[in-house]
PDB file of N, CA and C in Angstrom:
ATOM      1  N   MET A   1      -9.018  17.550  -2.958  1.00  0.00           N
ATOM      2  CA  MET A   1      -9.378  16.191  -2.589  1.00  0.00           C
ATOM      3  C   MET A   1      -9.890  15.431  -3.812  1.00  0.00           C
ATOM      4  N   LEU A   2     -10.605  16.149  -4.673  1.00  0.00           N
ATOM      5  CA  LEU A   2     -11.031  15.519  -5.925  1.00  0.00           C
ATOM      6  C   LEU A   2      -9.828  15.114  -6.758  1.00  0.00           C
ATOM      7  N   TRP A   3      -8.811  15.976  -6.759  1.00  0.00           N
ATOM      8  CA  TRP A   3      -7.591  15.656  -7.496  1.00  0.00           C
ATOM      9  C   TRP A   3      -6.986  14.361  -6.972  1.00  0.00           C
ATOM     10  N   CYS A   4      -6.968  14.191  -5.659  1.00  0.00           N
ATOM     11  CA  CYS A   4      -6.428  12.953  -5.067  1.00  0.00           C
ATOM     12  C   CYS A   4      -7.227  11.738  -5.532  1.00  0.00           C
ATOM     13  N   ASP A   5      -8.547  11.890  -5.565  1.00  0.00           N
ATOM     14  CA  ASP A   5      -9.401  10.781  -6.008  1.00  0.00           C
ATOM     15  C   ASP A   5      -9.220  10.464  -7.489  1.00  0.00           C
ATOM     16  N   MET A   6      -8.975  11.476  -8.291  1.00  0.00           N
ATOM     17  CA  MET A   6      -8.945  11.309  -9.747  1.00  0.00           C
ATOM     18  C   MET A   6      -7.555  10.993 -10.323  1.00  0.00           C
ATOM     19  N   THR A   7      -6.512  11.106  -9.505  1.00  0.00           N
ATOM     20  CA  THR A   7      -5.149  10.908  -9.995  1.00  0.00           C
ATOM     21  C   THR A   7      -4.723   9.460  -9.785  1.00  0.00           C
ATOM     22  N   PRO A   8      -4.518   8.726 -10.876  1.00  0.00           N
ATOM     23  CA  PRO A   8      -4.207   7.288 -10.760  1.00  0.00           C
ATOM     24  C   PRO A   8      -2.921   6.969  -9.994  1.00  0.00           C
ATOM     25  N   SER A   9      -1.932   7.873 -10.020  1.00  0.00           N
ATOM     26  CA  SER A   9      -0.669   7.573  -9.337  1.00  0.00           C
ATOM     27  C   SER A   9      -0.784   7.658  -7.815  1.00  0.00           C
ATOM     28  N   ILE A  10      -1.882   8.241  -7.309  1.00  0.00           N
ATOM     29  CA  ILE A  10      -2.078   8.310  -5.858  1.00  0.00           C
ATOM     30  C   ILE A  10      -2.709   7.000  -5.397  1.00  0.00           C
ATOM     31  N   GLN A  11      -1.922   6.244  -4.658  1.00  0.00           N
ATOM     32  CA  GLN A  11      -2.360   4.928  -4.200  1.00  0.00           C
ATOM     33  C   GLN A  11      -3.206   5.009  -2.930  1.00  0.00           C
ATOM     34  N   GLU A  12      -2.874   5.979  -2.059  1.00  0.00           N
ATOM     35  CA  GLU A  12      -3.599   6.179  -0.794  1.00  0.00           C
ATOM     36  C   GLU A  12      -3.562   7.667  -0.485  1.00  0.00           C
ATOM     37  N   TRP A  13      -4.578   8.127   0.209  1.00  0.00           N
ATOM     38  CA  TRP A  13      -4.522   9.486   0.738  1.00  0.00           C
ATOM     39  C   TRP A  13      -5.526   9.630   1.869  1.00  0.00           C
ATOM     40  N   SER A  14      -5.263  10.585   2.737  1.00  0.00           N
ATOM     41  CA  SER A  14      -6.197  10.907   3.808  1.00  0.00           C
ATOM     42  C   SER A  14      -6.011  12.377   4.169  1.00  0.00           C
ATOM     43  N   SER A  15      -6.993  12.917   4.849  1.00  0.00           N
ATOM     44  CA  SER A  15      -6.964  14.323   5.230  1.00  0.00           C
ATOM     45  C   SER A  15      -7.024  14.459   6.749  1.00  0.00           C
ATOM     46  N   GLU A  16      -6.050  15.163   7.299  1.00  0.00           N
ATOM     47  CA  GLU A  16      -5.959  15.475   8.731  1.00  0.00           C
ATOM     48  C   GLU A  16      -6.070  14.249   9.635  1.00  0.00           C
ATOM     49  N   GLU A  17      -5.497  13.143   9.212  1.00  0.00           N
ATOM     50  CA  GLU A  17      -5.503  11.947  10.050  1.00  0.00           C
ATOM     51  C   GLU A  17      -4.158  11.698  10.721  1.00  0.00           C
ATOM     52  N   CYS A  18      -3.121  12.339  10.222  1.00  0.00           N
ATOM     53  CA  CYS A  18      -1.802  12.173  10.811  1.00  0.00           C
ATOM     54  C   CYS A  18      -1.601  13.281  11.848  1.00  0.00           C
ATOM     55  N   VAL A  19      -1.352  12.874  13.089  1.00  0.00           N
ATOM     56  CA  VAL A  19      -1.204  13.824  14.194  1.00  0.00           C
ATOM     57  C   VAL A  19       0.236  13.762  14.713  1.00  0.00           C
ATOM     58  N   ILE A  20       0.867  14.935  14.785  1.00  0.00           N
ATOM     59  CA  ILE A  20       2.264  15.007  15.217  1.00  0.00           C
ATOM     60  C   ILE A  20       2.366  15.957  16.410  1.00  0.00           C
ATOM     61  N   PRO A  21       2.952  15.505  17.514  1.00  0.00           N
ATOM     62  CA  PRO A  21       3.140  16.419  18.649  1.00  0.00           C
ATOM     63  C   PRO A  21       4.265  17.414  18.350  1.00  0.00           C
ATOM     64  N   TYR A  22       4.085  18.650  18.785  1.00  0.00           N
ATOM     65  CA  TYR A  22       5.131  19.665  18.632  1.00  0.00           C
ATOM     66  C   TYR A  22       5.090  20.584  19.850  1.00  0.00           C
ATOM     67  N   LYS A  23       6.219  21.188  20.136  1.00  0.00           N
ATOM     68  CA  LYS A  23       6.301  22.120  21.265  1.00  0.00           C
ATOM     69  C   LYS A  23       6.192  23.537  20.735  1.00  0.00           C
ATOM     70  N   SER A  24       5.177  24.257  21.191  1.00  0.00           N
ATOM     71  CA  SER A  24       4.933  25.614  20.725  1.00  0.00           C
ATOM     72  C   SER A  24       5.921  26.586  21.359  1.00  0.00           C
ATOM     73  N   PRO A  25       6.524  27.450  20.550  1.00  0.00           N
ATOM     74  CA  PRO A  25       7.413  28.462  21.118  1.00  0.00           C
ATOM     75  C   PRO A  25       6.643  29.586  21.825  1.00  0.00           C
ATOM     76  N   VAL A  26       5.335  29.621  21.647  1.00  0.00           N
ATOM     77  CA  VAL A  26       4.516  30.679  22.247  1.00  0.00           C
ATOM     78  C   VAL A  26       4.264  30.407  23.725  1.00  0.00           C
ATOM     79  N   ASP A  27       3.835  29.176  24.038  1.00  0.00           N
ATOM     80  CA  ASP A  27       3.532  28.853  25.441  1.00  0.00           C
ATOM     81  C   ASP A  27       4.434  27.756  26.021  1.00  0.00           C
ATOM     82  N   ASN A  28       5.366  27.269  25.199  1.00  0.00           N
ATOM     83  CA  ASN A  28       6.331  26.247  25.634  1.00  0.00           C
ATOM     84  C   ASN A  28       5.648  24.944  26.063  1.00  0.00           C
ATOM     85  N   LYS A  29       4.465  24.677  25.511  1.00  0.00           N
ATOM     86  CA  LYS A  29       3.721  23.451  25.799  1.00  0.00           C
ATOM     87  C   LYS A  29       3.602  22.614  24.539  1.00  0.00           C
ATOM     88  N   TYR A  30       3.326  21.329  24.760  1.00  0.00           N
ATOM     89  CA  TYR A  30       3.120  20.438  23.614  1.00  0.00           C
ATOM     90  C   TYR A  30       1.687  20.541  23.113  1.00  0.00           C
ATOM     91  N   HIS A  31       1.569  20.540  21.792  1.00  0.00           N
ATOM     92  CA  HIS A  31       0.278  20.594  21.111  1.00  0.00           C
ATOM     93  C   HIS A  31       0.258  19.514  20.049  1.00  0.00           C
ATOM     94  N   ARG A  32      -0.907  19.335  19.420  1.00  0.00           N
ATOM     95  CA  ARG A  32      -1.035  18.337  18.355  1.00  0.00           C
ATOM     96  C   ARG A  32      -1.200  19.043  17.014  1.00  0.00           C
ATOM     97  N   TYR A  33      -0.372  18.638  16.071  1.00  0.00           N
ATOM     98  CA  TYR A  33      -0.398  19.202  14.726  1.00  0.00           C
ATOM     99  C   TYR A  33      -1.084  18.200  13.805  1.00  0.00           C
ATOM    100  N   PHE A  34      -2.200  18.595  13.224  1.00  0.00           N
ATOM    101  CA  PHE A  34      -2.930  17.760  12.277  1.00  0.00           C
ATOM    102  C   PHE A  34      -2.500  18.186  10.869  1.00  0.00           C
ATOM    103  N   VAL A  35      -1.619  17.401  10.270  1.00  0.00           N
ATOM    104  CA  VAL A  35      -1.111  17.721   8.936  1.00  0.00           C
ATOM    105  C   VAL A  35      -2.259  17.587   7.934  1.00  0.00           C
ATOM    106  N   ASP A  36      -2.307  18.494   6.963  1.00  0.00           N
ATOM    107  CA  ASP A  36      -3.432  18.535   6.034  1.00  0.00           C
ATOM    108  C   ASP A  36      -3.651  17.224   5.285  1.00  0.00           C
ATOM    109  N   PHE A  37      -2.580  16.651   4.722  1.00  0.00           N
ATOM    110  CA  PHE A  37      -2.754  15.443   3.909  1.00  0.00           C
ATOM    111  C   PHE A  37      -1.629  14.446   4.105  1.00  0.00           C
ATOM    112  N   TYR A  38      -1.992  13.177   4.022  1.00  0.00           N
ATOM    113  CA  TYR A  38      -1.058  12.071   3.856  1.00  0.00           C
ATOM    114  C   TYR A  38      -1.314  11.545   2.453  1.00  0.00           C
ATOM    115  N   MET A  39      -0.244  11.252   1.705  1.00  0.00           N
ATOM    116  CA  MET A  39      -0.394  10.683   0.362  1.00  0.00           C
ATOM    117  C   MET A  39       0.665   9.624   0.127  1.00  0.00           C
ATOM    118  N   LYS A  40       0.247   8.589  -0.581  1.00  0.00           N
ATOM    119  CA  LYS A  40       1.184   7.588  -1.063  1.00  0.00           C
ATOM    120  C   LYS A  40       1.112   7.634  -2.581  1.00  0.00           C
ATOM    121  N   ILE A  41       2.234   8.011  -3.192  1.00  0.00           N
ATOM    122  CA  ILE A  41       2.318   8.185  -4.641  1.00  0.00           C
ATOM    123  C   ILE A  41       3.494   7.353  -5.146  1.00  0.00           C
ATOM    124  N   ASP A  42       3.191   6.431  -6.044  1.00  0.00           N
ATOM    125  CA  ASP A  42       4.245   5.569  -6.612  1.00  0.00           C
ATOM    126  C   ASP A  42       5.112   4.955  -5.511  1.00  0.00           C
ATOM    127  N   ASN A  43       4.472   4.437  -4.493  1.00  0.00           N
ATOM    128  CA  ASN A  43       5.107   3.766  -3.352  1.00  0.00           C
ATOM    129  C   ASN A  43       5.976   4.679  -2.488  1.00  0.00           C
ATOM    130  N   ARG A  44       5.871   5.991  -2.645  1.00  0.00           N
ATOM    131  CA  ARG A  44       6.549   6.943  -1.756  1.00  0.00           C
ATOM    132  C   ARG A  44       5.485   7.636  -0.930  1.00  0.00           C
ATOM    133  N   LYS A  45       5.804   7.876   0.346  1.00  0.00           N
ATOM    134  CA  LYS A  45       4.824   8.464   1.258  1.00  0.00           C
ATOM    135  C   LYS A  45       5.191   9.913   1.566  1.00  0.00           C
ATOM    136  N   TYR A  46       4.144  10.748   1.633  1.00  0.00           N
ATOM    137  CA  TYR A  46       4.303  12.179   1.848  1.00  0.00           C
ATOM    138  C   TYR A  46       3.308  12.679   2.887  1.00  0.00           C
ATOM    139  N   LEU A  47       3.736  13.690   3.635  1.00  0.00           N
ATOM    140  CA  LEU A  47       2.816  14.509   4.402  1.00  0.00           C
ATOM    141  C   LEU A  47       2.836  15.864   3.722  1.00  0.00           C
ATOM    142  N   VAL A  48       1.644  16.421   3.499  1.00  0.00           N
ATOM    143  CA  VAL A  48       1.539  17.659   2.734  1.00  0.00           C
ATOM    144  C   VAL A  48       0.735  18.684   3.528  1.00  0.00           C
ATOM    145  N   GLU A  49       1.316  19.855   3.681  1.00  0.00           N
ATOM    146  CA  GLU A  49       0.645  20.980   4.330  1.00  0.00           C
ATOM    147  C   GLU A  49       0.337  22.016   3.259  1.00  0.00           C
ATOM    148  N   VAL A  50      -0.889  22.529   3.250  1.00  0.00           N
ATOM    149  CA  VAL A  50      -1.308  23.560   2.301  1.00  0.00           C
ATOM    150  C   VAL A  50      -1.416  24.876   3.059  1.00  0.00           C
ATOM    151  N   LYS A  51      -0.680  25.873   2.593  1.00  0.00           N
ATOM    152  CA  LYS A  51      -0.657  27.183   3.258  1.00  0.00           C
ATOM    153  C   LYS A  51      -0.641  28.294   2.224  1.00  0.00           C
ATOM    154  N   PRO A  52      -1.145  29.475   2.581  1.00  0.00           N
ATOM    155  CA  PRO A  52      -0.955  30.640   1.713  1.00  0.00           C
ATOM    156  C   PRO A  52       0.547  30.941   1.636  1.00  0.00           C
ATOM    157  N   ALA A  53       1.010  31.340   0.477  1.00  0.00           N
ATOM    158  CA  ALA A  53       2.448  31.612   0.290  1.00  0.00           C
ATOM    159  C   ALA A  53       2.967  32.608   1.322  1.00  0.00           C
ATOM    160  N   LYS A  54       2.152  33.571   1.680  1.00  0.00           N
ATOM    161  CA  LYS A  54       2.569  34.593   2.647  1.00  0.00           C
ATOM    162  C   LYS A  54       2.976  33.971   3.983  1.00  0.00           C
ATOM    163  N   GLN A  55       2.306  32.899   4.388  1.00  0.00           N
ATOM    164  CA  GLN A  55       2.610  32.274   5.678  1.00  0.00           C
ATOM    165  C   GLN A  55       3.842  31.369   5.625  1.00  0.00           C
ATOM    166  N   THR A  56       4.414  31.177   4.441  1.00  0.00           N
ATOM    167  CA  THR A  56       5.605  30.326   4.331  1.00  0.00           C
ATOM    168  C   THR A  56       6.888  31.149   4.358  1.00  0.00           C
ATOM    169  N   LYS A  57       6.747  32.467   4.524  1.00  0.00           N
ATOM    170  CA  LYS A  57       7.902  33.364   4.572  1.00  0.00           C
ATOM    171  C   LYS A  57       7.912  34.110   5.895  1.00  0.00           C
ATOM    172  N   GLU A  58       9.102  34.281   6.429  1.00  0.00           N
ATOM    173  CA  GLU A  58       9.231  35.013   7.694  1.00  0.00           C
ATOM    174  C   GLU A  58       8.775  36.460   7.505  1.00  0.00           C
ATOM    175  N   PRO A  59       7.978  36.978   8.451  1.00  0.00           N
ATOM    176  CA  PRO A  59       7.539  38.372   8.323  1.00  0.00           C
ATOM    177  C   PRO A  59       8.730  39.329   8.364  1.00  0.00           C
ATOM    178  N   LYS A  60       8.646  40.387   7.562  1.00  0.00           N
ATOM    179  CA  LYS A  60       9.698  41.403   7.571  1.00  0.00           C
ATOM    180  C   LYS A  60       9.605  42.200   8.864  1.00  0.00           C
ATOM    181  N   THR A  61      10.745  42.463   9.455  1.00  0.00           N
ATOM    182  CA  THR A  61      10.797  43.230  10.702  1.00  0.00           C
ATOM    183  C   THR A  61      10.212  44.618  10.476  1.00  0.00           C
ATOM    184  N   GLN A  62       9.376  45.023  11.421  1.00  0.00           N
ATOM    185  CA  GLN A  62       8.750  46.341  11.340  1.00  0.00           C
ATOM    186  C   GLN A  62       9.138  47.177  12.551  1.00  0.00           C
ATOM    187  N   LYS A  63       9.111  48.456  12.357  1.00  0.00           N
ATOM    188  CA  LYS A  63       9.460  49.366  13.454  1.00  0.00           C
ATOM    189  C   LYS A  63       8.372  49.397  14.513  1.00  0.00           C
ATOM    190  N   ARG A  64       7.109  49.363  14.068  1.00  0.00           N
ATOM    191  CA  ARG A  64       5.980  49.410  15.009  1.00  0.00           C
ATOM    192  C   ARG A  64       5.460  48.014  15.282  1.00  0.00           C
ATOM    193  N   MET A  65       5.164  47.754  16.535  1.00  0.00           N
ATOM    194  CA  MET A  65       4.624  46.452  16.943  1.00  0.00           C
ATOM    195  C   MET A  65       3.095  46.475  16.861  1.00  0.00           C
ATOM    196  N   THR A  66       2.575  46.389  15.675  1.00  0.00           N
ATOM    197  CA  THR A  66       1.127  46.375  15.497  1.00  0.00           C
ATOM    198  C   THR A  66       0.585  44.988  15.823  1.00  0.00           C
ATOM    199  N   LYS A  67      -0.721  44.895  16.082  1.00  0.00           N
ATOM    200  CA  LYS A  67      -1.336  43.591  16.353  1.00  0.00           C
ATOM    201  C   LYS A  67      -1.147  42.655  15.166  1.00  0.00           C
ATOM    202  N   ARG A  68      -1.300  43.221  13.978  1.00  0.00           N
ATOM    203  CA  ARG A  68      -1.141  42.402  12.768  1.00  0.00           C
ATOM    204  C   ARG A  68       0.267  41.815  12.682  1.00  0.00           C
ATOM    205  N   TYR A  69       1.274  42.645  12.905  1.00  0.00           N
ATOM    206  CA  TYR A  69       2.665  42.176  12.848  1.00  0.00           C
ATOM    207  C   TYR A  69       2.924  41.111  13.915  1.00  0.00           C
ATOM    208  N   ILE A  70       2.449  41.347  15.126  1.00  0.00           N
ATOM    209  CA  ILE A  70       2.641  40.365  16.207  1.00  0.00           C
ATOM    210  C   ILE A  70       1.979  39.039  15.841  1.00  0.00           C
ATOM    211  N   ASN A  71       0.758  39.089  15.294  1.00  0.00           N
ATOM    212  CA  ASN A  71       0.079  37.853  14.860  1.00  0.00           C
ATOM    213  C   ASN A  71       0.861  37.130  13.770  1.00  0.00           C
ATOM    214  N   GLU A  72       1.443  37.870  12.838  1.00  0.00           N
ATOM    215  CA  GLU A  72       2.246  37.255  11.772  1.00  0.00           C
ATOM    216  C   GLU A  72       3.480  36.568  12.349  1.00  0.00           C
ATOM    217  N   VAL A  73       4.124  37.205  13.323  1.00  0.00           N
ATOM    218  CA  VAL A  73       5.318  36.624  13.947  1.00  0.00           C
ATOM    219  C   VAL A  73       4.951  35.371  14.733  1.00  0.00           C
ATOM    220  N   VAL A  74       3.845  35.414  15.469  1.00  0.00           N
ATOM    221  CA  VAL A  74       3.391  34.244  16.233  1.00  0.00           C
ATOM    222  C   VAL A  74       3.050  33.099  15.283  1.00  0.00           C
ATOM    223  N   THR A  75       2.299  33.395  14.222  1.00  0.00           N
ATOM    224  CA  THR A  75       1.931  32.362  13.242  1.00  0.00           C
ATOM    225  C   THR A  75       3.183  31.749  12.626  1.00  0.00           C
ATOM    226  N   TRP A  76       4.130  32.578  12.258  1.00  0.00           N
ATOM    227  CA  TRP A  76       5.380  32.096  11.661  1.00  0.00           C
ATOM    228  C   TRP A  76       6.128  31.180  12.631  1.00  0.00           C
ATOM    229  N   SER A  77       6.261  31.583  13.880  1.00  0.00           N
ATOM    230  CA  SER A  77       7.035  30.772  14.833  1.00  0.00           C
ATOM    231  C   SER A  77       6.338  29.448  15.143  1.00  0.00           C
ATOM    232  N   VAL A  78       5.016  29.457  15.260  1.00  0.00           N
ATOM    233  CA  VAL A  78       4.280  28.211  15.502  1.00  0.00           C
ATOM    234  C   VAL A  78       4.390  27.298  14.277  1.00  0.00           C
ATOM    235  N   ASN A  79       4.224  27.870  13.084  1.00  0.00           N
ATOM    236  CA  ASN A  79       4.367  27.064  11.867  1.00  0.00           C
ATOM    237  C   ASN A  79       5.758  26.453  11.769  1.00  0.00           C
ATOM    238  N   GLN A  80       6.777  27.208  12.110  1.00  0.00           N
ATOM    239  CA  GLN A  80       8.140  26.673  12.073  1.00  0.00           C
ATOM    240  C   GLN A  80       8.287  25.475  13.009  1.00  0.00           C
ATOM    241  N   ALA A  81       7.712  25.563  14.200  1.00  0.00           N
ATOM    242  CA  ALA A  81       7.771  24.449  15.152  1.00  0.00           C
ATOM    243  C   ALA A  81       7.027  23.231  14.608  1.00  0.00           C
ATOM    244  N   LYS A  82       5.850  23.455  14.010  1.00  0.00           N
ATOM    245  CA  LYS A  82       5.076  22.359  13.426  1.00  0.00           C
ATOM    246  C   LYS A  82       5.845  21.702  12.288  1.00  0.00           C
ATOM    247  N   TRP A  83       6.405  22.517  11.399  1.00  0.00           N
ATOM    248  CA  TRP A  83       7.084  21.984  10.222  1.00  0.00           C
ATOM    249  C   TRP A  83       8.373  21.258  10.587  1.00  0.00           C
ATOM    250  N   LYS A  84       9.032  21.710  11.639  1.00  0.00           N
ATOM    251  CA  LYS A  84      10.225  21.002  12.113  1.00  0.00           C
ATOM    252  C   LYS A  84       9.825  19.622  12.642  1.00  0.00           C
ATOM    253  N   ALA A  85       8.761  19.574  13.433  1.00  0.00           N
ATOM    254  CA  ALA A  85       8.286  18.301  13.975  1.00  0.00           C
ATOM    255  C   ALA A  85       7.849  17.364  12.845  1.00  0.00           C
ATOM    256  N   ALA A  86       7.161  17.901  11.835  1.00  0.00           N
ATOM    257  CA  ALA A  86       6.710  17.080  10.707  1.00  0.00           C
ATOM    258  C   ALA A  86       7.885  16.564   9.896  1.00  0.00           C
ATOM    259  N   THR A  87       8.896  17.401   9.696  1.00  0.00           N
ATOM    260  CA  THR A  87      10.090  16.979   8.959  1.00  0.00           C
ATOM    261  C   THR A  87      10.787  15.837   9.680  1.00  0.00           C
ATOM    262  N   GLU A  88      10.953  15.956  10.997  1.00  0.00           N
ATOM    263  CA  GLU A  88      11.592  14.901  11.785  1.00  0.00           C
ATOM    264  C   GLU A  88      10.758  13.625  11.770  1.00  0.00           C
ATOM    265  N   PHE A  89       9.448  13.757  11.889  1.00  0.00           N
ATOM    266  CA  PHE A  89       8.524  12.620  11.834  1.00  0.00           C
ATOM    267  C   PHE A  89       8.715  11.875  10.511  1.00  0.00           C
ATOM    268  N   CYS A  90       8.767  12.623   9.428  1.00  0.00           N
ATOM    269  CA  CYS A  90       8.917  12.014   8.103  1.00  0.00           C
ATOM    270  C   CYS A  90      10.296  11.373   7.921  1.00  0.00           C
ATOM    271  N   LEU A  91      11.332  12.040   8.378  1.00  0.00           N
ATOM    272  CA  LEU A  91      12.676  11.476   8.250  1.00  0.00           C
ATOM    273  C   LEU A  91      12.784  10.130   8.958  1.00  0.00           C
ATOM    274  N   ASP A  92      12.161  10.015  10.133  1.00  0.00           N
ATOM    275  CA  ASP A  92      12.180   8.762  10.889  1.00  0.00           C
ATOM    276  C   ASP A  92      11.518   7.615  10.126  1.00  0.00           C
ATOM    277  N   ARG A  93      10.602   7.942   9.215  1.00  0.00           N
ATOM    278  CA  ARG A  93       9.822   6.934   8.490  1.00  0.00           C
ATOM    279  C   ARG A  93      10.195   6.830   7.012  1.00  0.00           C
ATOM    280  N   GLN A  94      11.206   7.592   6.628  1.00  0.00           N
ATOM    281  CA  GLN A  94      11.628   7.683   5.223  1.00  0.00           C
ATOM    282  C   GLN A  94      10.485   8.175   4.328  1.00  0.00           C
ATOM    283  N   TRP A  95       9.734   9.133   4.859  1.00  0.00           N
ATOM    284  CA  TRP A  95       8.697   9.823   4.112  1.00  0.00           C
ATOM    285  C   TRP A  95       9.247  11.197   3.743  1.00  0.00           C
ATOM    286  N   GLU A  96       8.414  11.996   3.096  1.00  0.00           N
ATOM    287  CA  GLU A  96       8.811  13.358   2.744  1.00  0.00           C
ATOM    288  C   GLU A  96       7.716  14.336   3.170  1.00  0.00           C
ATOM    289  N   PHE A  97       8.144  15.462   3.748  1.00  0.00           N
ATOM    290  CA  PHE A  97       7.216  16.512   4.147  1.00  0.00           C
ATOM    291  C   PHE A  97       7.273  17.620   3.118  1.00  0.00           C
ATOM    292  N   LYS A  98       6.095  18.045   2.636  1.00  0.00           N
ATOM    293  CA  LYS A  98       6.007  19.094   1.618  1.00  0.00           C
ATOM    294  C   LYS A  98       5.034  20.168   2.075  1.00  0.00           C
ATOM    295  N   ILE A  99       5.372  21.396   1.750  1.00  0.00           N
ATOM    296  CA  ILE A  99       4.464  22.520   1.951  1.00  0.00           C
ATOM    297  C   ILE A  99       4.127  23.038   0.560  1.00  0.00           C
ATOM    298  N   ILE A 100       2.834  23.110   0.276  1.00  0.00           N
ATOM    299  CA  ILE A 100       2.438  23.650  -1.018  1.00  0.00           C
ATOM    300  C   ILE A 100       1.552  24.875  -0.812  1.00  0.00           C
ATOM    301  N   THR A 101       1.610  25.760  -1.788  1.00  0.00           N
ATOM    302  CA  THR A 101       0.863  27.023  -1.714  1.00  0.00           C
ATOM    303  C   THR A 101      -0.017  27.165  -2.953  1.00  0.00           C
ATOM    304  N   GLU A 102      -0.665  28.311  -3.043  1.00  0.00           N
ATOM    305  CA  GLU A 102      -1.510  28.574  -4.219  1.00  0.00           C
ATOM    306  C   GLU A 102      -0.703  28.532  -5.508  1.00  0.00           C
ATOM    307  N   LYS A 103       0.608  28.757  -5.416  1.00  0.00           N
ATOM    308  CA  LYS A 103       1.450  28.707  -6.615  1.00  0.00           C
ATOM    309  C   LYS A 103       1.501  27.297  -7.200  1.00  0.00           C
ATOM    310  N   GLU A 104       1.713  26.310  -6.337  1.00  0.00           N
ATOM    311  CA  GLU A 104       1.732  24.911  -6.799  1.00  0.00           C
ATOM    312  C   GLU A 104       0.343  24.448  -7.221  1.00  0.00           C
ATOM    313  N   LEU A 105      -0.666  24.961  -6.535  1.00  0.00           N
ATOM    314  CA  LEU A 105      -2.048  24.568  -6.837  1.00  0.00           C
ATOM    315  C   LEU A 105      -2.612  25.332  -8.038  1.00  0.00           C
ATOM    316  N   LYS A 106      -1.875  26.369  -8.454  1.00  0.00           N
ATOM    317  CA  LYS A 106      -2.280  27.199  -9.596  1.00  0.00           C
ATOM    318  C   LYS A 106      -3.675  27.817  -9.398  1.00  0.00           C
ATOM    319  N   VAL A 107      -3.876  28.363  -8.189  1.00  0.00           N
ATOM    320  CA  VAL A 107      -5.133  29.058  -7.902  1.00  0.00           C
ATOM    321  C   VAL A 107      -4.869  30.496  -7.487  1.00  0.00           C
TER     322      VAL A 107
END
């Protein structure tokens, strides 16, 4: 957030103010997705989600259905539904949806 404040090319930004409805594949109900950031940079608008790199990749299939594996699969499927809804939301507005991880943040 300090980076957003200190970067001159960022004209506007907000945190968790953009809400997008999405249908969860877990319970087949609609939920609200609060995207991490909205940014306007050089007159282009973005929605940005910050996630650990591990959560941006589909879990590898495992032979045993452990609680950990099931949680990873559920998290992945819900994230996919959220990101699809965010992508469509952005396309309708000629914005761009980005997912960034610790790699982009260099942490």
